[in-house]
Amino acid sequence: MSANEEVKETQNWPELVTSIYSEMSGEGSTSVAVREMDIEVPSSTGRDSERAHWTVDGVIELNPDE
């Protein structure tokens, strides 16, 4: 992302995944910068399943060619 591009923030997973997929449908890799993003990862598919709490802070680089 260049310095002149507008940063679009999202509050939900479908929007985030859609924006990342749109970036990656071209050639090359893309980076996603996140700041203190909290994720609750379920241990199973049940409604009352235990969840692990992850906090992500940094840059995630995605490259579909690797």
N, C-alpha and C. Protein backbone atom coordinates (compact mmCIF):
# COMPACT_ATOMS: atom_id res chain seq x y z
N MET A 1 0.85 -1.17 0.00
CA MET A 1 0.00 0.00 0.00
C MET A 1 0.89 1.23 0.00
N SER A 2 0.61 2.14 -0.88
CA SER A 2 1.42 3.35 -0.95
C SER A 2 0.94 4.36 0.09
N ALA A 3 1.75 5.38 0.32
CA ALA A 3 1.42 6.39 1.32
C ALA A 3 0.18 7.18 0.93
N ASN A 4 -0.16 7.23 -0.37
CA ASN A 4 -1.30 8.01 -0.83
C ASN A 4 -2.62 7.25 -0.80
N GLU A 5 -2.59 5.94 -0.57
CA GLU A 5 -3.81 5.15 -0.55
C GLU A 5 -4.56 5.34 0.76
N GLU A 6 -5.89 5.38 0.67
CA GLU A 6 -6.71 5.52 1.86
C GLU A 6 -6.75 4.20 2.62
N VAL A 7 -6.61 4.27 3.94
CA VAL A 7 -6.69 3.09 4.78
C VAL A 7 -8.15 2.85 5.10
N LYS A 8 -8.63 1.65 4.77
CA LYS A 8 -10.02 1.29 5.05
C LYS A 8 -10.03 0.34 6.23
N GLU A 9 -10.77 0.69 7.26
CA GLU A 9 -10.85 -0.15 8.45
C GLU A 9 -12.11 -0.98 8.40
N THR A 10 -12.03 -2.18 8.94
CA THR A 10 -13.18 -3.05 9.01
C THR A 10 -13.33 -3.58 10.42
N GLN A 11 -14.53 -3.94 10.77
CA GLN A 11 -14.80 -4.45 12.10
C GLN A 11 -15.28 -5.90 12.07
N ASN A 12 -15.26 -6.54 10.88
CA ASN A 12 -15.74 -7.92 10.81
C ASN A 12 -14.92 -8.74 9.83
N TRP A 13 -14.93 -10.06 10.06
CA TRP A 13 -14.11 -10.99 9.27
C TRP A 13 -14.48 -11.03 7.79
N PRO A 14 -15.76 -11.08 7.41
CA PRO A 14 -16.07 -11.15 5.98
C PRO A 14 -15.50 -9.98 5.19
N GLU A 15 -15.60 -8.76 5.72
CA GLU A 15 -15.03 -7.61 5.03
C GLU A 15 -13.51 -7.71 4.94
N LEU A 16 -12.86 -8.15 6.02
CA LEU A 16 -11.41 -8.28 6.02
C LEU A 16 -10.95 -9.30 4.98
N VAL A 17 -11.57 -10.47 4.98
CA VAL A 17 -11.19 -11.52 4.03
C VAL A 17 -11.44 -11.07 2.60
N THR A 18 -12.57 -10.41 2.35
CA THR A 18 -12.88 -9.92 1.00
C THR A 18 -11.84 -8.91 0.54
N SER A 19 -11.43 -8.00 1.41
CA SER A 19 -10.44 -6.99 0.99
C SER A 19 -9.07 -7.63 0.74
N ILE A 20 -8.69 -8.60 1.56
CA ILE A 20 -7.41 -9.29 1.34
C ILE A 20 -7.45 -10.07 0.04
N TYR A 21 -8.55 -10.79 -0.21
CA TYR A 21 -8.68 -11.57 -1.44
C TYR A 21 -8.61 -10.65 -2.65
N SER A 22 -9.25 -9.49 -2.58
CA SER A 22 -9.22 -8.54 -3.69
C SER A 22 -7.79 -8.08 -3.98
N GLU A 23 -7.03 -7.84 -2.92
CA GLU A 23 -5.63 -7.43 -3.08
C GLU A 23 -4.80 -8.54 -3.71
N MET A 24 -5.08 -9.79 -3.35
CA MET A 24 -4.26 -10.91 -3.79
C MET A 24 -4.68 -11.46 -5.15
N SER A 25 -5.81 -11.02 -5.69
CA SER A 25 -6.24 -11.56 -6.97
C SER A 25 -5.38 -11.04 -8.12
N GLY A 26 -4.54 -10.05 -7.86
CA GLY A 26 -3.56 -9.61 -8.84
C GLY A 26 -2.30 -10.43 -8.68
N GLU A 27 -1.20 -9.97 -9.21
CA GLU A 27 0.06 -10.69 -9.08
C GLU A 27 0.82 -10.22 -7.84
N GLY A 28 1.64 -11.10 -7.31
CA GLY A 28 2.51 -10.74 -6.20
C GLY A 28 1.89 -10.98 -4.85
N SER A 29 2.50 -10.38 -3.84
CA SER A 29 2.08 -10.58 -2.47
C SER A 29 1.42 -9.31 -1.94
N THR A 30 0.87 -9.43 -0.77
CA THR A 30 0.28 -8.27 -0.11
C THR A 30 0.59 -8.33 1.37
N SER A 31 0.56 -7.19 2.01
CA SER A 31 0.79 -7.10 3.45
C SER A 31 -0.43 -6.50 4.12
N VAL A 32 -0.73 -7.00 5.29
CA VAL A 32 -1.84 -6.49 6.08
C VAL A 32 -1.27 -6.06 7.42
N ALA A 33 -1.42 -4.77 7.74
CA ALA A 33 -0.94 -4.27 9.03
C ALA A 33 -2.11 -4.28 10.01
N VAL A 34 -1.88 -4.87 11.17
CA VAL A 34 -2.92 -4.90 12.20
C VAL A 34 -2.34 -4.34 13.49
N ARG A 35 -3.21 -3.71 14.25
CA ARG A 35 -2.79 -3.13 15.52
C ARG A 35 -3.69 -3.68 16.61
N GLU A 36 -3.10 -4.48 17.49
CA GLU A 36 -3.80 -5.05 18.63
C GLU A 36 -5.15 -5.67 18.23
N MET A 37 -5.11 -6.55 17.22
CA MET A 37 -6.32 -7.23 16.78
C MET A 37 -6.53 -8.47 17.65
N ASP A 38 -7.65 -8.50 18.35
CA ASP A 38 -7.97 -9.63 19.23
C ASP A 38 -8.78 -10.66 18.45
N ILE A 39 -8.37 -11.93 18.59
CA ILE A 39 -9.04 -13.03 17.90
C ILE A 39 -9.35 -14.09 18.94
N GLU A 40 -10.55 -14.61 18.90
CA GLU A 40 -10.93 -15.73 19.74
C GLU A 40 -11.06 -16.95 18.83
N VAL A 41 -10.17 -17.91 18.99
CA VAL A 41 -10.12 -19.08 18.12
C VAL A 41 -10.78 -20.26 18.83
N PRO A 42 -11.91 -20.76 18.28
CA PRO A 42 -12.60 -21.88 18.93
C PRO A 42 -11.83 -23.18 18.78
N SER A 43 -11.94 -24.04 19.79
CA SER A 43 -11.26 -25.34 19.74
C SER A 43 -12.09 -26.38 19.00
N SER A 44 -13.38 -26.08 18.79
CA SER A 44 -14.26 -26.97 18.03
C SER A 44 -15.41 -26.14 17.47
N THR A 45 -16.34 -26.80 16.80
CA THR A 45 -17.42 -26.06 16.16
C THR A 45 -18.63 -25.83 17.05
N GLY A 46 -18.63 -26.36 18.25
CA GLY A 46 -19.77 -26.20 19.14
C GLY A 46 -19.92 -24.79 19.67
N ARG A 47 -21.13 -24.40 19.98
CA ARG A 47 -21.42 -23.06 20.46
C ARG A 47 -20.69 -22.75 21.77
N ASP A 48 -20.57 -23.74 22.63
CA ASP A 48 -19.94 -23.54 23.94
C ASP A 48 -18.49 -24.02 23.99
N SER A 49 -17.85 -24.14 22.84
CA SER A 49 -16.48 -24.65 22.82
C SER A 49 -15.51 -23.66 23.48
N GLU A 50 -14.44 -24.20 24.03
CA GLU A 50 -13.41 -23.34 24.61
C GLU A 50 -12.74 -22.53 23.51
N ARG A 51 -12.24 -21.38 23.88
CA ARG A 51 -11.61 -20.50 22.89
C ARG A 51 -10.23 -20.05 23.38
N ALA A 52 -9.31 -19.99 22.44
CA ALA A 52 -7.99 -19.43 22.72
C ALA A 52 -8.02 -17.96 22.33
N HIS A 53 -7.44 -17.10 23.14
CA HIS A 53 -7.41 -15.68 22.85
C HIS A 53 -6.04 -15.33 22.27
N TRP A 54 -6.06 -14.81 21.06
CA TRP A 54 -4.83 -14.37 20.40
C TRP A 54 -4.91 -12.86 20.21
N THR A 55 -3.78 -12.18 20.36
CA THR A 55 -3.68 -10.77 20.01
C THR A 55 -2.59 -10.65 18.96
N VAL A 56 -2.94 -10.06 17.82
CA VAL A 56 -2.00 -9.90 16.72
C VAL A 56 -1.67 -8.43 16.61
N ASP A 57 -0.37 -8.13 16.54
CA ASP A 57 0.09 -6.74 16.44
C ASP A 57 1.31 -6.73 15.54
N GLY A 58 1.14 -6.27 14.31
CA GLY A 58 2.26 -6.23 13.39
C GLY A 58 1.80 -6.36 11.95
N VAL A 59 2.65 -6.90 11.11
CA VAL A 59 2.37 -7.02 9.69
C VAL A 59 2.31 -8.49 9.32
N ILE A 60 1.26 -8.86 8.60
CA ILE A 60 1.10 -10.21 8.07
C ILE A 60 1.35 -10.14 6.57
N GLU A 61 2.33 -10.88 6.09
CA GLU A 61 2.63 -10.88 4.66
C GLU A 61 2.10 -12.16 4.03
N LEU A 62 1.34 -12.00 2.95
CA LEU A 62 0.74 -13.13 2.25
C LEU A 62 1.27 -13.19 0.83
N ASN A 63 1.74 -14.36 0.44
CA ASN A 63 2.25 -14.54 -0.92
C ASN A 63 1.70 -15.84 -1.48
N PRO A 64 0.77 -15.78 -2.42
CA PRO A 64 0.16 -16.98 -2.95
C PRO A 64 1.10 -17.85 -3.77
N ASP A 65 2.24 -17.31 -4.17
CA ASP A 65 3.18 -18.07 -5.00
C ASP A 65 4.11 -18.97 -4.18
N GLU A 66 4.15 -18.80 -2.88
CA GLU A 66 5.06 -19.60 -2.05
C GLU A 66 4.36 -20.78 -1.46
